[in-house]
Amino acid sequence: MGLAKTEIFTDQQNEIAIFAKVFGHPARIAILQQLFKLDTCFCGGLVDEIGLAQPTISQHLKELKHLGLIKGTVEGTSVCYCIDKENWLKMKEIIIPFLDQDLIDKDNCC
């Protein structure tokens, strides 16, 4: 299997690809939606809210935290999660201009 050769792409292209990967699974979307809906740190069981096994939820939380879209704090034996608002805004600054692109001449296609 070949290497991804990410070094031949711009930083912006690589960042957009990383965000696209994290948004590429419906469980991560559901987790983010749940955290936005609550608009506070969530210390409860996302398992009950999302309907997936705890190890699966934990893996998706790890991916979201690794990217910096969520943050978590340990309180005793539980971990509380919330949206990292600063990083969420940074992500939007990067991805929205990409998504807002439009074709100028729609007749100039196959």
PDB file of N, CA and C in Angstrom:
ATOM      1  N   MET A   1       0.854  -1.177   0.000  1.00  0.00           N
ATOM      2  CA  MET A   1       0.000   0.000   0.000  1.00  0.00           C
ATOM      3  C   MET A   1       0.894   1.232   0.000  1.00  0.00           C
ATOM      4  N   GLY A   2       0.574   2.215  -0.805  1.00  0.00           N
ATOM      5  CA  GLY A   2       1.369   3.423  -0.922  1.00  0.00           C
ATOM      6  C   GLY A   2       1.124   4.393   0.220  1.00  0.00           C
ATOM      7  N   LEU A   3       2.028   5.358   0.329  1.00  0.00           N
ATOM      8  CA  LEU A   3       1.892   6.393   1.337  1.00  0.00           C
ATOM      9  C   LEU A   3       0.875   7.436   0.875  1.00  0.00           C
ATOM     10  N   ALA A   4       0.319   8.166   1.808  1.00  0.00           N
ATOM     11  CA  ALA A   4      -0.689   9.169   1.479  1.00  0.00           C
ATOM     12  C   ALA A   4      -0.083  10.390   0.795  1.00  0.00           C
ATOM     13  N   LYS A   5       1.229  10.599   0.956  1.00  0.00           N
ATOM     14  CA  LYS A   5       1.939  11.741   0.369  1.00  0.00           C
ATOM     15  C   LYS A   5       1.274  13.063   0.740  1.00  0.00           C
ATOM     16  N   THR A   6       0.886  13.204   1.996  1.00  0.00           N
ATOM     17  CA  THR A   6       0.219  14.429   2.436  1.00  0.00           C
ATOM     18  C   THR A   6       1.116  15.652   2.294  1.00  0.00           C
ATOM     19  N   GLU A   7       2.422  15.438   2.243  1.00  0.00           N
ATOM     20  CA  GLU A   7       3.340  16.576   2.147  1.00  0.00           C
ATOM     21  C   GLU A   7       3.245  17.303   0.807  1.00  0.00           C
ATOM     22  N   ILE A   8       2.644  16.693  -0.201  1.00  0.00           N
ATOM     23  CA  ILE A   8       2.531  17.373  -1.499  1.00  0.00           C
ATOM     24  C   ILE A   8       1.309  18.293  -1.565  1.00  0.00           C
ATOM     25  N   PHE A   9       0.491  18.274  -0.499  1.00  0.00           N
ATOM     26  CA  PHE A   9      -0.709  19.098  -0.452  1.00  0.00           C
ATOM     27  C   PHE A   9      -0.512  20.256   0.516  1.00  0.00           C
ATOM     28  N   THR A  10      -1.315  21.286   0.360  1.00  0.00           N
ATOM     29  CA  THR A  10      -1.205  22.450   1.244  1.00  0.00           C
ATOM     30  C   THR A  10      -1.680  22.090   2.652  1.00  0.00           C
ATOM     31  N   ASP A  11      -1.288  22.922   3.605  1.00  0.00           N
ATOM     32  CA  ASP A  11      -1.753  22.725   4.976  1.00  0.00           C
ATOM     33  C   ASP A  11      -3.275  22.766   5.039  1.00  0.00           C
ATOM     34  N   GLN A  12      -3.868  23.690   4.282  1.00  0.00           N
ATOM     35  CA  GLN A  12      -5.319  23.812   4.272  1.00  0.00           C
ATOM     36  C   GLN A  12      -5.979  22.548   3.715  1.00  0.00           C
ATOM     37  N   GLN A  13      -5.439  22.004   2.645  1.00  0.00           N
ATOM     38  CA  GLN A  13      -5.998  20.781   2.065  1.00  0.00           C
ATOM     39  C   GLN A  13      -5.907  19.624   3.051  1.00  0.00           C
ATOM     40  N   ASN A  14      -4.792  19.523   3.748  1.00  0.00           N
ATOM     41  CA  ASN A  14      -4.630  18.464   4.743  1.00  0.00           C
ATOM     42  C   ASN A  14      -5.584  18.655   5.922  1.00  0.00           C
ATOM     43  N   GLU A  15      -5.766  19.901   6.367  1.00  0.00           N
ATOM     44  CA  GLU A  15      -6.689  20.159   7.475  1.00  0.00           C
ATOM     45  C   GLU A  15      -8.122  19.824   7.087  1.00  0.00           C
ATOM     46  N   ILE A  16      -8.539  20.217   5.904  1.00  0.00           N
ATOM     47  CA  ILE A  16      -9.894  19.902   5.450  1.00  0.00           C
ATOM     48  C   ILE A  16     -10.089  18.390   5.381  1.00  0.00           C
ATOM     49  N   ALA A  17      -9.096  17.669   4.897  1.00  0.00           N
ATOM     50  CA  ALA A  17      -9.190  16.207   4.802  1.00  0.00           C
ATOM     51  C   ALA A  17      -9.321  15.569   6.187  1.00  0.00           C
ATOM     52  N   ILE A  18      -8.613  16.109   7.166  1.00  0.00           N
ATOM     53  CA  ILE A  18      -8.698  15.578   8.533  1.00  0.00           C
ATOM     54  C   ILE A  18     -10.096  15.810   9.091  1.00  0.00           C
ATOM     55  N   PHE A  19     -10.638  17.015   8.883  1.00  0.00           N
ATOM     56  CA  PHE A  19     -12.004  17.280   9.353  1.00  0.00           C
ATOM     57  C   PHE A  19     -13.005  16.383   8.640  1.00  0.00           C
ATOM     58  N   ALA A  20     -12.831  16.196   7.345  1.00  0.00           N
ATOM     59  CA  ALA A  20     -13.744  15.336   6.584  1.00  0.00           C
ATOM     60  C   ALA A  20     -13.715  13.917   7.138  1.00  0.00           C
ATOM     61  N   LYS A  21     -12.541  13.448   7.522  1.00  0.00           N
ATOM     62  CA  LYS A  21     -12.427  12.095   8.078  1.00  0.00           C
ATOM     63  C   LYS A  21     -13.200  11.983   9.390  1.00  0.00           C
ATOM     64  N   VAL A  22     -13.060  12.989  10.249  1.00  0.00           N
ATOM     65  CA  VAL A  22     -13.733  12.915  11.542  1.00  0.00           C
ATOM     66  C   VAL A  22     -15.252  13.020  11.372  1.00  0.00           C
ATOM     67  N   PHE A  23     -15.706  13.741  10.342  1.00  0.00           N
ATOM     68  CA  PHE A  23     -17.135  13.837  10.076  1.00  0.00           C
ATOM     69  C   PHE A  23     -17.639  12.658   9.250  1.00  0.00           C
ATOM     70  N   GLY A  24     -16.756  11.742   8.901  1.00  0.00           N
ATOM     71  CA  GLY A  24     -17.098  10.631   8.032  1.00  0.00           C
ATOM     72  C   GLY A  24     -17.790   9.474   8.724  1.00  0.00           C
ATOM     73  N   HIS A  25     -18.110   9.597   9.993  1.00  0.00           N
ATOM     74  CA  HIS A  25     -18.813   8.515  10.684  1.00  0.00           C
ATOM     75  C   HIS A  25     -20.028   9.084  11.403  1.00  0.00           C
ATOM     76  N   PRO A  26     -21.199   8.493  11.194  1.00  0.00           N
ATOM     77  CA  PRO A  26     -22.425   9.032  11.798  1.00  0.00           C
ATOM     78  C   PRO A  26     -22.398   9.039  13.330  1.00  0.00           C
ATOM     79  N   ALA A  27     -21.646   8.134  13.950  1.00  0.00           N
ATOM     80  CA  ALA A  27     -21.587   8.131  15.420  1.00  0.00           C
ATOM     81  C   ALA A  27     -20.922   9.406  15.930  1.00  0.00           C
ATOM     82  N   ARG A  28     -19.888   9.870  15.241  1.00  0.00           N
ATOM     83  CA  ARG A  28     -19.216  11.100  15.664  1.00  0.00           C
ATOM     84  C   ARG A  28     -20.130  12.311  15.457  1.00  0.00           C
ATOM     85  N   ILE A  29     -20.903  12.284  14.393  1.00  0.00           N
ATOM     86  CA  ILE A  29     -21.878  13.354  14.164  1.00  0.00           C
ATOM     87  C   ILE A  29     -22.910  13.341  15.293  1.00  0.00           C
ATOM     88  N   ALA A  30     -23.396  12.170  15.656  1.00  0.00           N
ATOM     89  CA  ALA A  30     -24.400  12.051  16.725  1.00  0.00           C
ATOM     90  C   ALA A  30     -23.833  12.538  18.059  1.00  0.00           C
ATOM     91  N   ILE A  31     -22.596  12.208  18.346  1.00  0.00           N
ATOM     92  CA  ILE A  31     -21.958  12.660  19.588  1.00  0.00           C
ATOM     93  C   ILE A  31     -21.871  14.181  19.603  1.00  0.00           C
ATOM     94  N   LEU A  32     -21.404  14.767  18.508  1.00  0.00           N
ATOM     95  CA  LEU A  32     -21.307  16.226  18.441  1.00  0.00           C
ATOM     96  C   LEU A  32     -22.680  16.872  18.582  1.00  0.00           C
ATOM     97  N   GLN A  33     -23.681  16.320  17.908  1.00  0.00           N
ATOM     98  CA  GLN A  33     -25.034  16.874  18.010  1.00  0.00           C
ATOM     99  C   GLN A  33     -25.545  16.814  19.449  1.00  0.00           C
ATOM    100  N   GLN A  34     -25.267  15.722  20.129  1.00  0.00           N
ATOM    101  CA  GLN A  34     -25.705  15.576  21.518  1.00  0.00           C
ATOM    102  C   GLN A  34     -25.016  16.618  22.399  1.00  0.00           C
ATOM    103  N   LEU A  35     -23.723  16.824  22.188  1.00  0.00           N
ATOM    104  CA  LEU A  35     -22.998  17.805  22.993  1.00  0.00           C
ATOM    105  C   LEU A  35     -23.470  19.226  22.700  1.00  0.00           C
ATOM    106  N   PHE A  36     -23.796  19.514  21.433  1.00  0.00           N
ATOM    107  CA  PHE A  36     -24.337  20.833  21.098  1.00  0.00           C
ATOM    108  C   PHE A  36     -25.720  21.021  21.712  1.00  0.00           C
ATOM    109  N   LYS A  37     -26.529  19.978  21.678  1.00  0.00           N
ATOM    110  CA  LYS A  37     -27.886  20.055  22.210  1.00  0.00           C
ATOM    111  C   LYS A  37     -27.864  20.385  23.702  1.00  0.00           C
ATOM    112  N   LEU A  38     -26.921  19.799  24.410  1.00  0.00           N
ATOM    113  CA  LEU A  38     -26.838  20.028  25.852  1.00  0.00           C
ATOM    114  C   LEU A  38     -26.190  21.369  26.180  1.00  0.00           C
ATOM    115  N   ASP A  39     -25.274  21.828  25.328  1.00  0.00           N
ATOM    116  CA  ASP A  39     -24.569  23.095  25.494  1.00  0.00           C
ATOM    117  C   ASP A  39     -23.944  23.243  26.875  1.00  0.00           C
ATOM    118  N   THR A  40     -23.449  22.136  27.400  1.00  0.00           N
ATOM    119  CA  THR A  40     -22.759  22.129  28.678  1.00  0.00           C
ATOM    120  C   THR A  40     -21.890  20.879  28.724  1.00  0.00           C
ATOM    121  N   CYS A  41     -21.050  20.771  29.729  1.00  0.00           N
ATOM    122  CA  CYS A  41     -20.261  19.546  29.854  1.00  0.00           C
ATOM    123  C   CYS A  41     -21.197  18.381  30.159  1.00  0.00           C
ATOM    124  N   PHE A  42     -20.958  17.280  29.476  1.00  0.00           N
ATOM    125  CA  PHE A  42     -21.817  16.096  29.602  1.00  0.00           C
ATOM    126  C   PHE A  42     -21.039  15.006  30.320  1.00  0.00           C
ATOM    127  N   CYS A  43     -21.524  14.630  31.490  1.00  0.00           N
ATOM    128  CA  CYS A  43     -20.848  13.604  32.288  1.00  0.00           C
ATOM    129  C   CYS A  43     -21.641  12.303  32.314  1.00  0.00           C
ATOM    130  N   GLY A  44     -22.767  12.298  31.663  1.00  0.00           N
ATOM    131  CA  GLY A  44     -23.629  11.116  31.673  1.00  0.00           C
ATOM    132  C   GLY A  44     -23.168  10.072  30.691  1.00  0.00           C
ATOM    133  N   GLY A  45     -24.015   9.117  30.462  1.00  0.00           N
ATOM    134  CA  GLY A  45     -23.690   8.025  29.569  1.00  0.00           C
ATOM    135  C   GLY A  45     -24.107   8.309  28.142  1.00  0.00           C
ATOM    136  N   LEU A  46     -23.146   8.589  27.311  1.00  0.00           N
ATOM    137  CA  LEU A  46     -23.455   8.757  25.894  1.00  0.00           C
ATOM    138  C   LEU A  46     -23.936   7.445  25.285  1.00  0.00           C
ATOM    139  N   VAL A  47     -23.619   6.352  25.938  1.00  0.00           N
ATOM    140  CA  VAL A  47     -24.079   5.045  25.467  1.00  0.00           C
ATOM    141  C   VAL A  47     -25.605   5.037  25.401  1.00  0.00           C
ATOM    142  N   ASP A  48     -26.240   5.554  26.453  1.00  0.00           N
ATOM    143  CA  ASP A  48     -27.707   5.592  26.482  1.00  0.00           C
ATOM    144  C   ASP A  48     -28.257   6.549  25.430  1.00  0.00           C
ATOM    145  N   GLU A  49     -27.578   7.654  25.219  1.00  0.00           N
ATOM    146  CA  GLU A  49     -28.051   8.666  24.279  1.00  0.00           C
ATOM    147  C   GLU A  49     -27.838   8.255  22.822  1.00  0.00           C
ATOM    148  N   ILE A  50     -26.697   7.621  22.534  1.00  0.00           N
ATOM    149  CA  ILE A  50     -26.326   7.288  21.152  1.00  0.00           C
ATOM    150  C   ILE A  50     -26.770   5.867  20.782  1.00  0.00           C
ATOM    151  N   GLY A  51     -26.681   4.939  21.734  1.00  0.00           N
ATOM    152  CA  GLY A  51     -27.118   3.571  21.475  1.00  0.00           C
ATOM    153  C   GLY A  51     -26.028   2.635  20.981  1.00  0.00           C
ATOM    154  N   LEU A  52     -24.762   3.013  21.196  1.00  0.00           N
ATOM    155  CA  LEU A  52     -23.644   2.142  20.826  1.00  0.00           C
ATOM    156  C   LEU A  52     -22.946   1.647  22.090  1.00  0.00           C
ATOM    157  N   ALA A  53     -22.133   0.626  21.944  1.00  0.00           N
ATOM    158  CA  ALA A  53     -21.395   0.066  23.075  1.00  0.00           C
ATOM    159  C   ALA A  53     -20.372   1.076  23.595  1.00  0.00           C
ATOM    160  N   GLN A  54     -20.061   0.994  24.884  1.00  0.00           N
ATOM    161  CA  GLN A  54     -19.121   1.917  25.510  1.00  0.00           C
ATOM    162  C   GLN A  54     -17.754   1.961  24.809  1.00  0.00           C
ATOM    163  N   PRO A  55     -17.156   0.809  24.446  1.00  0.00           N
ATOM    164  CA  PRO A  55     -15.858   0.884  23.756  1.00  0.00           C
ATOM    165  C   PRO A  55     -15.937   1.629  22.420  1.00  0.00           C
ATOM    166  N   THR A  56     -17.062   1.487  21.730  1.00  0.00           N
ATOM    167  CA  THR A  56     -17.250   2.182  20.450  1.00  0.00           C
ATOM    168  C   THR A  56     -17.368   3.678  20.677  1.00  0.00           C
ATOM    169  N   ILE A  57     -18.170   4.068  21.656  1.00  0.00           N
ATOM    170  CA  ILE A  57     -18.317   5.483  22.000  1.00  0.00           C
ATOM    171  C   ILE A  57     -16.959   6.056  22.407  1.00  0.00           C
ATOM    172  N   SER A  58     -16.230   5.327  23.216  1.00  0.00           N
ATOM    173  CA  SER A  58     -14.917   5.792  23.682  1.00  0.00           C
ATOM    174  C   SER A  58     -13.962   6.029  22.521  1.00  0.00           C
ATOM    175  N   GLN A  59     -13.983   5.149  21.542  1.00  0.00           N
ATOM    176  CA  GLN A  59     -13.106   5.310  20.372  1.00  0.00           C
ATOM    177  C   GLN A  59     -13.479   6.566  19.581  1.00  0.00           C
ATOM    178  N   HIS A  60     -14.762   6.805  19.418  1.00  0.00           N
ATOM    179  CA  HIS A  60     -15.194   7.998  18.685  1.00  0.00           C
ATOM    180  C   HIS A  60     -14.881   9.273  19.472  1.00  0.00           C
ATOM    181  N   LEU A  61     -15.057   9.234  20.793  1.00  0.00           N
ATOM    182  CA  LEU A  61     -14.687  10.377  21.629  1.00  0.00           C
ATOM    183  C   LEU A  61     -13.192  10.661  21.523  1.00  0.00           C
ATOM    184  N   LYS A  62     -12.402   9.598  21.485  1.00  0.00           N
ATOM    185  CA  LYS A  62     -10.950   9.745  21.360  1.00  0.00           C
ATOM    186  C   LYS A  62     -10.594  10.466  20.052  1.00  0.00           C
ATOM    187  N   GLU A  63     -11.246  10.086  18.962  1.00  0.00           N
ATOM    188  CA  GLU A  63     -10.998  10.730  17.669  1.00  0.00           C
ATOM    189  C   GLU A  63     -11.379  12.207  17.706  1.00  0.00           C
ATOM    190  N   LEU A  64     -12.536  12.506  18.273  1.00  0.00           N
ATOM    191  CA  LEU A  64     -12.995  13.892  18.356  1.00  0.00           C
ATOM    192  C   LEU A  64     -12.092  14.725  19.262  1.00  0.00           C
ATOM    193  N   LYS A  65     -11.639  14.118  20.337  1.00  0.00           N
ATOM    194  CA  LYS A  65     -10.745  14.827  21.261  1.00  0.00           C
ATOM    195  C   LYS A  65      -9.370  15.024  20.630  1.00  0.00           C
ATOM    196  N   HIS A  66      -8.882  14.014  19.932  1.00  0.00           N
ATOM    197  CA  HIS A  66      -7.581  14.113  19.265  1.00  0.00           C
ATOM    198  C   HIS A  66      -7.558  15.280  18.280  1.00  0.00           C
ATOM    199  N   LEU A  67      -8.631  15.479  17.572  1.00  0.00           N
ATOM    200  CA  LEU A  67      -8.740  16.575  16.616  1.00  0.00           C
ATOM    201  C   LEU A  67      -8.955  17.915  17.325  1.00  0.00           C
ATOM    202  N   GLY A  68      -9.403  17.863  18.572  1.00  0.00           N
ATOM    203  CA  GLY A  68      -9.597  19.078  19.347  1.00  0.00           C
ATOM    204  C   GLY A  68     -10.994  19.659  19.266  1.00  0.00           C
ATOM    205  N   LEU A  69     -11.934  18.933  18.656  1.00  0.00           N
ATOM    206  CA  LEU A  69     -13.296  19.451  18.562  1.00  0.00           C
ATOM    207  C   LEU A  69     -14.057  19.329  19.875  1.00  0.00           C
ATOM    208  N   ILE A  70     -13.629  18.396  20.722  1.00  0.00           N
ATOM    209  CA  ILE A  70     -14.213  18.286  22.054  1.00  0.00           C
ATOM    210  C   ILE A  70     -13.076  18.286  23.068  1.00  0.00           C
ATOM    211  N   LYS A  71     -13.438  18.571  24.307  1.00  0.00           N
ATOM    212  CA  LYS A  71     -12.471  18.475  25.391  1.00  0.00           C
ATOM    213  C   LYS A  71     -13.136  17.755  26.543  1.00  0.00           C
ATOM    214  N   GLY A  72     -12.319  17.168  27.382  1.00  0.00           N
ATOM    215  CA  GLY A  72     -12.855  16.399  28.486  1.00  0.00           C
ATOM    216  C   GLY A  72     -12.077  16.637  29.764  1.00  0.00           C
ATOM    217  N   THR A  73     -12.778  16.514  30.874  1.00  0.00           N
ATOM    218  CA  THR A  73     -12.145  16.626  32.180  1.00  0.00           C
ATOM    219  C   THR A  73     -12.537  15.406  33.004  1.00  0.00           C
ATOM    220  N   VAL A  74     -11.609  14.958  33.815  1.00  0.00           N
ATOM    221  CA  VAL A  74     -11.852  13.805  34.674  1.00  0.00           C
ATOM    222  C   VAL A  74     -12.361  14.313  36.015  1.00  0.00           C
ATOM    223  N   GLU A  75     -13.503  13.793  36.424  1.00  0.00           N
ATOM    224  CA  GLU A  75     -14.088  14.120  37.718  1.00  0.00           C
ATOM    225  C   GLU A  75     -14.379  12.818  38.445  1.00  0.00           C
ATOM    226  N   GLY A  76     -13.466  12.445  39.320  1.00  0.00           N
ATOM    227  CA  GLY A  76     -13.602  11.170  40.009  1.00  0.00           C
ATOM    228  C   GLY A  76     -13.431  10.025  39.029  1.00  0.00           C
ATOM    229  N   THR A  77     -14.453   9.199  38.912  1.00  0.00           N
ATOM    230  CA  THR A  77     -14.376   8.062  37.988  1.00  0.00           C
ATOM    231  C   THR A  77     -15.028   8.348  36.643  1.00  0.00           C
ATOM    232  N   SER A  78     -15.592   9.537  36.498  1.00  0.00           N
ATOM    233  CA  SER A  78     -16.255   9.842  35.226  1.00  0.00           C
ATOM    234  C   SER A  78     -15.481  10.914  34.460  1.00  0.00           C
ATOM    235  N   VAL A  79     -15.684  10.917  33.169  1.00  0.00           N
ATOM    236  CA  VAL A  79     -15.087  11.916  32.296  1.00  0.00           C
ATOM    237  C   VAL A  79     -16.217  12.750  31.717  1.00  0.00           C
ATOM    238  N   CYS A  80     -16.057  14.055  31.787  1.00  0.00           N
ATOM    239  CA  CYS A  80     -17.069  14.967  31.247  1.00  0.00           C
ATOM    240  C   CYS A  80     -16.550  15.539  29.933  1.00  0.00           C
ATOM    241  N   TYR A  81     -17.426  15.620  28.941  1.00  0.00           N
ATOM    242  CA  TYR A  81     -17.056  16.122  27.621  1.00  0.00           C
ATOM    243  C   TYR A  81     -17.909  17.316  27.241  1.00  0.00           C
ATOM    244  N   CYS A  82     -17.302  18.207  26.452  1.00  0.00           N
ATOM    245  CA  CYS A  82     -18.044  19.321  25.877  1.00  0.00           C
ATOM    246  C   CYS A  82     -17.344  19.740  24.583  1.00  0.00           C
ATOM    247  N   ILE A  83     -18.040  20.537  23.794  1.00  0.00           N
ATOM    248  CA  ILE A  83     -17.470  21.081  22.570  1.00  0.00           C
ATOM    249  C   ILE A  83     -16.369  22.061  22.949  1.00  0.00           C
ATOM    250  N   ASP A  84     -15.230  21.973  22.285  1.00  0.00           N
ATOM    251  CA  ASP A  84     -14.177  22.976  22.457  1.00  0.00           C
ATOM    252  C   ASP A  84     -14.520  24.118  21.509  1.00  0.00           C
ATOM    253  N   LYS A  85     -15.162  25.135  22.039  1.00  0.00           N
ATOM    254  CA  LYS A  85     -15.721  26.204  21.204  1.00  0.00           C
ATOM    255  C   LYS A  85     -14.652  26.918  20.384  1.00  0.00           C
ATOM    256  N   GLU A  86     -13.491  27.148  20.969  1.00  0.00           N
ATOM    257  CA  GLU A  86     -12.412  27.835  20.237  1.00  0.00           C
ATOM    258  C   GLU A  86     -11.968  27.022  19.029  1.00  0.00           C
ATOM    259  N   ASN A  87     -11.742  25.730  19.221  1.00  0.00           N
ATOM    260  CA  ASN A  87     -11.327  24.877  18.103  1.00  0.00           C
ATOM    261  C   ASN A  87     -12.453  24.665  17.094  1.00  0.00           C
ATOM    262  N   TRP A  88     -13.701  24.638  17.576  1.00  0.00           N
ATOM    263  CA  TRP A  88     -14.834  24.510  16.660  1.00  0.00           C
ATOM    264  C   TRP A  88     -14.875  25.711  15.714  1.00  0.00           C
ATOM    265  N   LEU A  89     -14.668  26.903  16.253  1.00  0.00           N
ATOM    266  CA  LEU A  89     -14.675  28.112  15.433  1.00  0.00           C
ATOM    267  C   LEU A  89     -13.510  28.119  14.443  1.00  0.00           C
ATOM    268  N   LYS A  90     -12.342  27.645  14.893  1.00  0.00           N
ATOM    269  CA  LYS A  90     -11.186  27.557  13.986  1.00  0.00           C
ATOM    270  C   LYS A  90     -11.479  26.598  12.837  1.00  0.00           C
ATOM    271  N   MET A  91     -12.112  25.447  13.161  1.00  0.00           N
ATOM    272  CA  MET A  91     -12.453  24.468  12.135  1.00  0.00           C
ATOM    273  C   MET A  91     -13.403  25.094  11.119  1.00  0.00           C
ATOM    274  N   LYS A  92     -14.385  25.847  11.602  1.00  0.00           N
ATOM    275  CA  LYS A  92     -15.343  26.484  10.698  1.00  0.00           C
ATOM    276  C   LYS A  92     -14.650  27.484   9.782  1.00  0.00           C
ATOM    277  N   GLU A  93     -13.672  28.215  10.295  1.00  0.00           N
ATOM    278  CA  GLU A  93     -12.920  29.176   9.477  1.00  0.00           C
ATOM    279  C   GLU A  93     -12.198  28.491   8.326  1.00  0.00           C
ATOM    280  N   ILE A  94     -11.791  27.258   8.542  1.00  0.00           N
ATOM    281  CA  ILE A  94     -11.061  26.508   7.525  1.00  0.00           C
ATOM    282  C   ILE A  94     -12.010  25.853   6.530  1.00  0.00           C
ATOM    283  N   ILE A  95     -13.078  25.245   7.026  1.00  0.00           N
ATOM    284  CA  ILE A  95     -13.904  24.401   6.164  1.00  0.00           C
ATOM    285  C   ILE A  95     -15.027  25.154   5.454  1.00  0.00           C
ATOM    286  N   ILE A  96     -15.561  26.207   6.039  1.00  0.00           N
ATOM    287  CA  ILE A  96     -16.678  26.913   5.412  1.00  0.00           C
ATOM    288  C   ILE A  96     -16.300  27.527   4.068  1.00  0.00           C
ATOM    289  N   PRO A  97     -15.140  28.193   3.940  1.00  0.00           N
ATOM    290  CA  PRO A  97     -14.790  28.716   2.610  1.00  0.00           C
ATOM    291  C   PRO A  97     -14.708  27.617   1.542  1.00  0.00           C
ATOM    292  N   PHE A  98     -14.248  26.445   1.938  1.00  0.00           N
ATOM    293  CA  PHE A  98     -14.192  25.324   0.997  1.00  0.00           C
ATOM    294  C   PHE A  98     -15.595  24.902   0.576  1.00  0.00           C
ATOM    295  N   LEU A  99     -16.501  24.803   1.542  1.00  0.00           N
ATOM    296  CA  LEU A  99     -17.867  24.368   1.252  1.00  0.00           C
ATOM    297  C   LEU A  99     -18.690  25.433   0.526  1.00  0.00           C
ATOM    298  N   ASP A 100     -18.293  26.686   0.659  1.00  0.00           N
ATOM    299  CA  ASP A 100     -19.027  27.775   0.008  1.00  0.00           C
ATOM    300  C   ASP A 100     -18.632  27.997  -1.447  1.00  0.00           C
ATOM    301  N   GLN A 101     -17.741  27.191  -1.972  1.00  0.00           N
ATOM    302  CA  GLN A 101     -17.359  27.342  -3.374  1.00  0.00           C
ATOM    303  C   GLN A 101     -18.531  26.983  -4.279  1.00  0.00           C
ATOM    304  N   ASP A 102     -18.694  27.752  -5.337  1.00  0.00           N
ATOM    305  CA  ASP A 102     -19.739  27.485  -6.313  1.00  0.00           C
ATOM    306  C   ASP A 102     -19.142  27.516  -7.712  1.00  0.00           C
ATOM    307  N   LEU A 103     -19.793  26.821  -8.612  1.00  0.00           N
ATOM    308  CA  LEU A 103     -19.379  26.864 -10.011  1.00  0.00           C
ATOM    309  C   LEU A 103     -19.866  28.170 -10.623  1.00  0.00           C
ATOM    310  N   ILE A 104     -18.981  28.831 -11.335  1.00  0.00           N
ATOM    311  CA  ILE A 104     -19.346  30.105 -11.973  1.00  0.00           C
ATOM    312  C   ILE A 104     -20.145  29.853 -13.244  1.00  0.00           C
ATOM    313  N   ASP A 105     -19.644  28.955 -14.091  1.00  0.00           N
ATOM    314  CA  ASP A 105     -20.293  28.673 -15.378  1.00  0.00           C
ATOM    315  C   ASP A 105     -20.788  27.235 -15.353  1.00  0.00           C
ATOM    316  N   LYS A 106     -22.044  27.028 -15.043  1.00  0.00           N
ATOM    317  CA  LYS A 106     -22.589  25.680 -14.903  1.00  0.00           C
ATOM    318  C   LYS A 106     -22.781  24.973 -16.235  1.00  0.00           C
ATOM    319  N   ASP A 107     -22.727  25.712 -17.355  1.00  0.00           N
ATOM    320  CA  ASP A 107     -22.876  25.088 -18.673  1.00  0.00           C
ATOM    321  C   ASP A 107     -21.557  24.522 -19.201  1.00  0.00           C
ATOM    322  N   ASN A 108     -20.465  24.806 -18.522  1.00  0.00           N
ATOM    323  CA  ASN A 108     -19.145  24.375 -18.975  1.00  0.00           C
ATOM    324  C   ASN A 108     -18.766  23.067 -18.289  1.00  0.00           C
ATOM    325  N   CYS A 109     -19.520  22.031 -18.556  1.00  0.00           N
ATOM    326  CA  CYS A 109     -19.277  20.736 -17.933  1.00  0.00           C
ATOM    327  C   CYS A 109     -19.540  19.639 -18.959  1.00  0.00           C
ATOM    328  N   CYS A 110     -19.160  18.437 -18.629  1.00  0.00           N
ATOM    329  CA  CYS A 110     -19.333  17.288 -19.516  1.00  0.00           C
ATOM    330  C   CYS A 110     -20.699  17.326 -20.120  1.00  0.00           C
TER     331      CYS A 110
END
